[in-house]
PDB file of N, CA and C in Angstrom:
ATOM      1  N   UNK A   1       0.848  -1.177   0.000  1.00  0.00           N
ATOM      2  CA  UNK A   1       0.000   0.000   0.000  1.00  0.00           C
ATOM      3  C   UNK A   1       0.890   1.235   0.000  1.00  0.00           C
ATOM      4  N   UNK A   2       0.596   2.163  -0.870  1.00  0.00           N
ATOM      5  CA  UNK A   2       1.356   3.392  -0.976  1.00  0.00           C
ATOM      6  C   UNK A   2       0.514   4.558  -0.478  1.00  0.00           C
ATOM      7  N   UNK A   3       1.134   5.380   0.360  1.00  0.00           N
ATOM      8  CA  UNK A   3       0.471   6.581   0.862  1.00  0.00           C
ATOM      9  C   UNK A   3       1.200   7.805   0.320  1.00  0.00           C
ATOM     10  N   UNK A   4       0.453   8.844   0.030  1.00  0.00           N
ATOM     11  CA  UNK A   4       1.077  10.072  -0.453  1.00  0.00           C
ATOM     12  C   UNK A   4       1.786  10.773   0.708  1.00  0.00           C
ATOM     13  N   UNK A   5       2.734  11.627   0.378  1.00  0.00           N
ATOM     14  CA  UNK A   5       3.473  12.362   1.403  1.00  0.00           C
ATOM     15  C   UNK A   5       2.549  13.217   2.269  1.00  0.00           C
ATOM     16  N   UNK A   6       1.581  13.943   1.703  1.00  0.00           N
ATOM     17  CA  UNK A   6       0.671  14.709   2.571  1.00  0.00           C
ATOM     18  C   UNK A   6      -0.129  13.826   3.529  1.00  0.00           C
ATOM     19  N   UNK A   7      -0.513  12.643   3.078  1.00  0.00           N
ATOM     20  CA  UNK A   7      -1.247  11.726   3.948  1.00  0.00           C
ATOM     21  C   UNK A   7      -0.357  11.249   5.094  1.00  0.00           C
ATOM     22  N   UNK A   8       0.880  10.912   4.790  1.00  0.00           N
ATOM     23  CA  UNK A   8       1.816  10.478   5.827  1.00  0.00           C
ATOM     24  C   UNK A   8       2.030  11.598   6.843  1.00  0.00           C
ATOM     25  N   UNK A   9       2.196  12.826   6.366  1.00  0.00           N
ATOM     26  CA  UNK A   9       2.404  13.951   7.273  1.00  0.00           C
ATOM     27  C   UNK A   9       1.181  14.188   8.165  1.00  0.00           C
ATOM     28  N   UNK A  10      -0.017  14.012   7.608  1.00  0.00           N
ATOM     29  CA  UNK A  10      -1.239  14.153   8.401  1.00  0.00           C
ATOM     30  C   UNK A  10      -1.302  13.089   9.490  1.00  0.00           C
ATOM     31  N   UNK A  11      -0.963  11.865   9.135  1.00  0.00           N
ATOM     32  CA  UNK A  11      -0.968  10.791  10.127  1.00  0.00           C
ATOM     33  C   UNK A  11       0.070  11.031  11.223  1.00  0.00           C
ATOM     34  N   UNK A  12       1.233  11.521  10.844  1.00  0.00           N
ATOM     35  CA  UNK A  12       2.256  11.851  11.845  1.00  0.00           C
ATOM     36  C   UNK A  12       1.725  12.923  12.788  1.00  0.00           C
ATOM     37  N   UNK A  13       1.086  13.944  12.233  1.00  0.00           N
ATOM     38  CA  UNK A  13       0.514  15.008  13.073  1.00  0.00           C
ATOM     39  C   UNK A  13      -0.510  14.451  14.053  1.00  0.00           C
ATOM     40  N   UNK A  14      -1.385  13.566  13.576  1.00  0.00           N
ATOM     41  CA  UNK A  14      -2.408  12.990  14.446  1.00  0.00           C
ATOM     42  C   UNK A  14      -1.800  12.157  15.571  1.00  0.00           C
ATOM     43  N   UNK A  15      -0.784  11.359  15.237  1.00  0.00           N
ATOM     44  CA  UNK A  15      -0.123  10.544  16.260  1.00  0.00           C
ATOM     45  C   UNK A  15       0.579  11.440  17.279  1.00  0.00           C
ATOM     46  N   UNK A  16       1.247  12.497  16.799  1.00  0.00           N
ATOM     47  CA  UNK A  16       1.941  13.394  17.718  1.00  0.00           C
ATOM     48  C   UNK A  16       0.967  14.148  18.623  1.00  0.00           C
ATOM     49  N   UNK A  17      -0.198  14.505  18.107  1.00  0.00           N
ATOM     50  CA  UNK A  17      -1.212  15.157  18.939  1.00  0.00           C
ATOM     51  C   UNK A  17      -1.665  14.199  20.042  1.00  0.00           C
ATOM     52  N   UNK A  18      -1.922  12.959  19.654  1.00  0.00           N
ATOM     53  CA  UNK A  18      -2.350  11.971  20.660  1.00  0.00           C
ATOM     54  C   UNK A  18      -1.247  11.759  21.693  1.00  0.00           C
ATOM     55  N   UNK A  19       0.010  11.678  21.246  1.00  0.00           N
ATOM     56  CA  UNK A  19       1.126  11.496  22.183  1.00  0.00           C
ATOM     57  C   UNK A  19       1.250  12.678  23.145  1.00  0.00           C
ATOM     58  N   UNK A  20       0.999  13.879  22.660  1.00  0.00           N
ATOM     59  CA  UNK A  20       1.144  15.057  23.523  1.00  0.00           C
ATOM     60  C   UNK A  20       0.073  15.109  24.611  1.00  0.00           C
ATOM     61  N   UNK A  21      -1.062  14.468  24.368  1.00  0.00           N
ATOM     62  CA  UNK A  21      -2.165  14.468  25.334  1.00  0.00           C
ATOM     63  C   UNK A  21      -2.189  13.201  26.194  1.00  0.00           C
ATOM     64  N   UNK A  22      -1.308  12.285  25.900  1.00  0.00           N
ATOM     65  CA  UNK A  22      -1.374  10.962  26.503  1.00  0.00           C
ATOM     66  C   UNK A  22      -0.823  10.967  27.929  1.00  0.00           C
ATOM     67  N   UNK A  23      -1.521  10.291  28.826  1.00  0.00           N
ATOM     68  CA  UNK A  23      -1.061  10.117  30.195  1.00  0.00           C
ATOM     69  C   UNK A  23      -0.995   8.631  30.503  1.00  0.00           C
ATOM     70  N   UNK A  24       0.115   8.221  31.072  1.00  0.00           N
ATOM     71  CA  UNK A  24       0.309   6.812  31.399  1.00  0.00           C
ATOM     72  C   UNK A  24      -0.109   6.575  32.842  1.00  0.00           C
ATOM     73  N   UNK A  25      -1.071   5.657  33.016  1.00  0.00           N
ATOM     74  CA  UNK A  25      -1.556   5.318  34.355  1.00  0.00           C
ATOM     75  C   UNK A  25      -1.309   3.856  34.704  1.00  0.00           C
ATOM     76  N   UNK A  26      -1.226   3.004  33.681  1.00  0.00           N
ATOM     77  CA  UNK A  26      -1.030   1.582  33.966  1.00  0.00           C
ATOM     78  C   UNK A  26      -0.259   0.927  32.817  1.00  0.00           C
ATOM     79  N   UNK A  27      -0.103  -0.403  32.895  1.00  0.00           N
ATOM     80  CA  UNK A  27       0.669  -1.132  31.879  1.00  0.00           C
ATOM     81  C   UNK A  27       0.033  -1.048  30.496  1.00  0.00           C
ATOM     82  N   UNK A  28      -1.275  -1.071  30.469  1.00  0.00           N
ATOM     83  CA  UNK A  28      -1.961  -0.976  29.185  1.00  0.00           C
ATOM     84  C   UNK A  28      -1.656   0.362  28.510  1.00  0.00           C
ATOM     85  N   UNK A  29      -1.642   1.423  29.288  1.00  0.00           N
ATOM     86  CA  UNK A  29      -1.287   2.740  28.749  1.00  0.00           C
ATOM     87  C   UNK A  29       0.152   2.747  28.242  1.00  0.00           C
ATOM     88  N   UNK A  30       1.028   2.065  28.961  1.00  0.00           N
ATOM     89  CA  UNK A  30       2.431   1.985  28.540  1.00  0.00           C
ATOM     90  C   UNK A  30       2.542   1.274  27.200  1.00  0.00           C
ATOM     91  N   UNK A  31       1.792   0.184  27.033  1.00  0.00           N
ATOM     92  CA  UNK A  31       1.795  -0.524  25.743  1.00  0.00           C
ATOM     93  C   UNK A  31       1.267   0.373  24.625  1.00  0.00           C
ATOM     94  N   UNK A  32       0.200   1.090  24.898  1.00  0.00           N
ATOM     95  CA  UNK A  32      -0.356   1.983  23.882  1.00  0.00           C
ATOM     96  C   UNK A  32       0.629   3.102  23.544  1.00  0.00           C
ATOM     97  N   UNK A  33       1.314   3.627  24.553  1.00  0.00           N
ATOM     98  CA  UNK A  33       2.322   4.668  24.322  1.00  0.00           C
ATOM     99  C   UNK A  33       3.420   4.153  23.399  1.00  0.00           C
ATOM    100  N   UNK A  34       3.904   2.945  23.684  1.00  0.00           N
ATOM    101  CA  UNK A  34       4.951   2.354  22.837  1.00  0.00           C
ATOM    102  C   UNK A  34       4.451   2.116  21.418  1.00  0.00           C
ATOM    103  N   UNK A  35       3.191   1.691  21.277  1.00  0.00           N
ATOM    104  CA  UNK A  35       2.618   1.469  19.949  1.00  0.00           C
ATOM    105  C   UNK A  35       2.516   2.782  19.169  1.00  0.00           C
ATOM    106  N   UNK A  36       2.108   3.850  19.847  1.00  0.00           N
ATOM    107  CA  UNK A  36       2.029   5.159  19.192  1.00  0.00           C
ATOM    108  C   UNK A  36       3.414   5.665  18.784  1.00  0.00           C
ATOM    109  N   UNK A  37       4.394   5.469  19.661  1.00  0.00           N
ATOM    110  CA  UNK A  37       5.760   5.894  19.328  1.00  0.00           C
ATOM    111  C   UNK A  37       6.299   5.099  18.145  1.00  0.00           C
ATOM    112  N   UNK A  38       6.003   3.808  18.124  1.00  0.00           N
ATOM    113  CA  UNK A  38       6.424   2.960  17.012  1.00  0.00           C
ATOM    114  C   UNK A  38       5.745   3.392  15.712  1.00  0.00           C
ATOM    115  N   UNK A  39       4.471   3.704  15.784  1.00  0.00           N
ATOM    116  CA  UNK A  39       3.742   4.169  14.597  1.00  0.00           C
ATOM    117  C   UNK A  39       4.339   5.469  14.069  1.00  0.00           C
ATOM    118  N   UNK A  40       4.658   6.388  14.998  1.00  0.00           N
ATOM    119  CA  UNK A  40       5.276   7.652  14.588  1.00  0.00           C
ATOM    120  C   UNK A  40       6.614   7.396  13.901  1.00  0.00           C
ATOM    121  N   UNK A  41       7.421   6.492  14.463  1.00  0.00           N
ATOM    122  CA  UNK A  41       8.727   6.182  13.874  1.00  0.00           C
ATOM    123  C   UNK A  41       8.578   5.557  12.487  1.00  0.00           C
ATOM    124  N   UNK A  42       7.625   4.638  12.331  1.00  0.00           N
ATOM    125  CA  UNK A  42       7.400   4.011  11.027  1.00  0.00           C
ATOM    126  C   UNK A  42       6.915   5.026   9.991  1.00  0.00           C
ATOM    127  N   UNK A  43       6.022   5.904  10.401  1.00  0.00           N
ATOM    128  CA  UNK A  43       5.534   6.934   9.485  1.00  0.00           C
ATOM    129  C   UNK A  43       6.648   7.897   9.087  1.00  0.00           C
ATOM    130  N   UNK A  44       7.504   8.240  10.032  1.00  0.00           N
ATOM    131  CA  UNK A  44       8.635   9.126   9.723  1.00  0.00           C
ATOM    132  C   UNK A  44       9.589   8.457   8.738  1.00  0.00           C
ATOM    133  N   UNK A  45       9.825   7.160   8.931  1.00  0.00           N
ATOM    134  CA  UNK A  45      10.685   6.418   7.999  1.00  0.00           C
ATOM    135  C   UNK A  45      10.049   6.360   6.615  1.00  0.00           C
ATOM    136  N   UNK A  46       8.735   6.174   6.558  1.00  0.00           N
ATOM    137  CA  UNK A  46       8.041   6.137   5.263  1.00  0.00           C
ATOM    138  C   UNK A  46       8.129   7.492   4.566  1.00  0.00           C
ATOM    139  N   UNK A  47       8.003   8.577   5.352  1.00  0.00           N
ATOM    140  CA  UNK A  47       8.117   9.918   4.766  1.00  0.00           C
ATOM    141  C   UNK A  47       9.520  10.138   4.213  1.00  0.00           C
ATOM    142  N   UNK A  48      10.544   9.722   4.959  1.00  0.00           N
ATOM    143  CA  UNK A  48      11.927   9.881   4.497  1.00  0.00           C
ATOM    144  C   UNK A  48      12.174   9.064   3.234  1.00  0.00           C
ATOM    145  N   UNK A  49      11.631   7.851   3.178  1.00  0.00           N
ATOM    146  CA  UNK A  49      11.794   7.011   1.983  1.00  0.00           C
ATOM    147  C   UNK A  49      11.103   7.644   0.774  1.00  0.00           C
ATOM    148  N   UNK A  50       9.946   8.234   0.992  1.00  0.00           N
ATOM    149  CA  UNK A  50       9.231   8.890  -0.110  1.00  0.00           C
ATOM    150  C   UNK A  50      10.011  10.098  -0.616  1.00  0.00           C
ATOM    151  N   UNK A  51      10.627  10.842   0.296  1.00  0.00           N
ATOM    152  CA  UNK A  51      11.425  11.993  -0.112  1.00  0.00           C
ATOM    153  C   UNK A  51      12.668  11.556  -0.879  1.00  0.00           C
ATOM    154  N   UNK A  52      13.313  10.466  -0.422  1.00  0.00           N
ATOM    155  CA  UNK A  52      14.494   9.963  -1.143  1.00  0.00           C
ATOM    156  C   UNK A  52      14.107   9.508  -2.542  1.00  0.00           C
ATOM    157  N   UNK A  53      12.973   8.840  -2.658  1.00  0.00           N
ATOM    158  CA  UNK A  53      12.524   8.354  -3.967  1.00  0.00           C
ATOM    159  C   UNK A  53      12.225   9.521  -4.904  1.00  0.00           C
ATOM    160  N   UNK A  54      11.677  10.589  -4.352  1.00  0.00           N
ATOM    161  CA  UNK A  54      11.354  11.756  -5.176  1.00  0.00           C
ATOM    162  C   UNK A  54      12.622  12.470  -5.635  1.00  0.00           C
ATOM    163  N   UNK A  55      13.660  12.440  -4.826  1.00  0.00           N
ATOM    164  CA  UNK A  55      14.910  13.133  -5.168  1.00  0.00           C
ATOM    165  C   UNK A  55      15.844  12.310  -6.030  1.00  0.00           C
ATOM    166  N   UNK A  56      15.579  11.013  -6.141  1.00  0.00           N
ATOM    167  CA  UNK A  56      16.472  10.129  -6.885  1.00  0.00           C
ATOM    168  C   UNK A  56      16.576  10.604  -8.332  1.00  0.00           C
ATOM    169  N   UNK A  57      17.808  10.781  -8.817  1.00  0.00           N
ATOM    170  CA  UNK A  57      17.960  11.243 -10.204  1.00  0.00           C
ATOM    171  C   UNK A  57      17.476  10.173 -11.180  1.00  0.00           C
ATOM    172  N   UNK A  58      16.887  10.620 -12.228  1.00  0.00           N
ATOM    173  CA  UNK A  58      16.400   9.708 -13.243  1.00  0.00           C
ATOM    174  C   UNK A  58      17.477   9.492 -14.292  1.00  0.00           C
ATOM    175  N   UNK A  59      17.451   8.327 -14.877  1.00  0.00           N
ATOM    176  CA  UNK A  59      18.437   8.001 -15.904  1.00  0.00           C
ATOM    177  C   UNK A  59      18.216   8.884 -17.129  1.00  0.00           C
ATOM    178  N   UNK A  60      19.309   9.410 -17.615  1.00  0.00           N
ATOM    179  CA  UNK A  60      19.261  10.256 -18.807  1.00  0.00           C
ATOM    180  C   UNK A  60      19.972   9.499 -19.917  1.00  0.00           C
ATOM    181  N   UNK A  61      19.343   9.358 -21.062  1.00  0.00           N
ATOM    182  CA  UNK A  61      20.005   8.618 -22.137  1.00  0.00           C
ATOM    183  C   UNK A  61      21.266   9.358 -22.613  1.00  0.00           C
ATOM    184  N   UNK A  62      22.247   8.570 -22.978  1.00  0.00           N
ATOM    185  CA  UNK A  62      23.496   9.145 -23.479  1.00  0.00           C
ATOM    186  C   UNK A  62      23.234   9.886 -24.784  1.00  0.00           C
ATOM    187  N   UNK A  63      23.951  10.984 -24.972  1.00  0.00           N
ATOM    188  CA  UNK A  63      23.744  11.714 -26.233  1.00  0.00           C
ATOM    189  C   UNK A  63      24.211  10.874 -27.423  1.00  0.00           C
ATOM    190  N   UNK A  64      23.504  11.000 -28.522  1.00  0.00           N
ATOM    191  CA  UNK A  64      23.881  10.264 -29.711  1.00  0.00           C
ATOM    192  C   UNK A  64      24.991  10.994 -30.431  1.00  0.00           C
ATOM    193  N   UNK A  65      25.844  10.240 -31.061  1.00  0.00           N
ATOM    194  CA  UNK A  65      26.955  10.852 -31.808  1.00  0.00           C
ATOM    195  C   UNK A  65      26.440  11.394 -33.134  1.00  0.00           C
ATOM    196  N   UNK A  66      26.955  12.539 -33.499  1.00  0.00           N
ATOM    197  CA  UNK A  66      26.634  13.101 -34.812  1.00  0.00           C
ATOM    198  C   UNK A  66      27.924  13.151 -35.616  1.00  0.00           C
ATOM    199  N   UNK A  67      27.863  12.587 -36.752  1.00  0.00           N
ATOM    200  CA  UNK A  67      29.054  12.588 -37.633  1.00  0.00           C
ATOM    201  C   UNK A  67      28.827  13.625 -38.741  1.00  0.00           C
ATOM    202  N   UNK A  68      29.819  14.419 -38.890  1.00  0.00           N
ATOM    203  CA  UNK A  68      29.741  15.464 -39.885  1.00  0.00           C
ATOM    204  C   UNK A  68      30.757  15.169 -40.991  1.00  0.00           C
ATOM    205  N   UNK A  69      30.311  15.237 -42.210  1.00  0.00           N
ATOM    206  CA  UNK A  69      31.206  14.980 -43.353  1.00  0.00           C
ATOM    207  C   UNK A  69      32.114  16.191 -43.536  1.00  0.00           C
ATOM    208  N   UNK A  70      33.381  15.927 -43.648  1.00  0.00           N
ATOM    209  CA  UNK A  70      34.344  17.020 -43.834  1.00  0.00           C
ATOM    210  C   UNK A  70      34.896  16.935 -45.246  1.00  0.00           C
ATOM    211  N   UNK A  71      34.912  18.059 -45.915  1.00  0.00           N
ATOM    212  CA  UNK A  71      35.615  18.077 -47.167  1.00  0.00           C
ATOM    213  C   UNK A  71      34.897  18.255 -48.378  1.00  0.00           C
TER     214      UNK A  71
END
């Protein structure tokens, strides 16, 4: 499944908002906190991979030789 860069950024924002409001009270909360942090890390890695793919130079065909008759 491929997600667009704006979609990934929106998901990162949503996860970070939830993390900023999150309070840990018990083990279940700790597990959820770790899951949210993991999701944020995976989304950040996906965003970085998408940016690298967009910046990757494309192959340019070699110029063709032109022969000119002399004389």
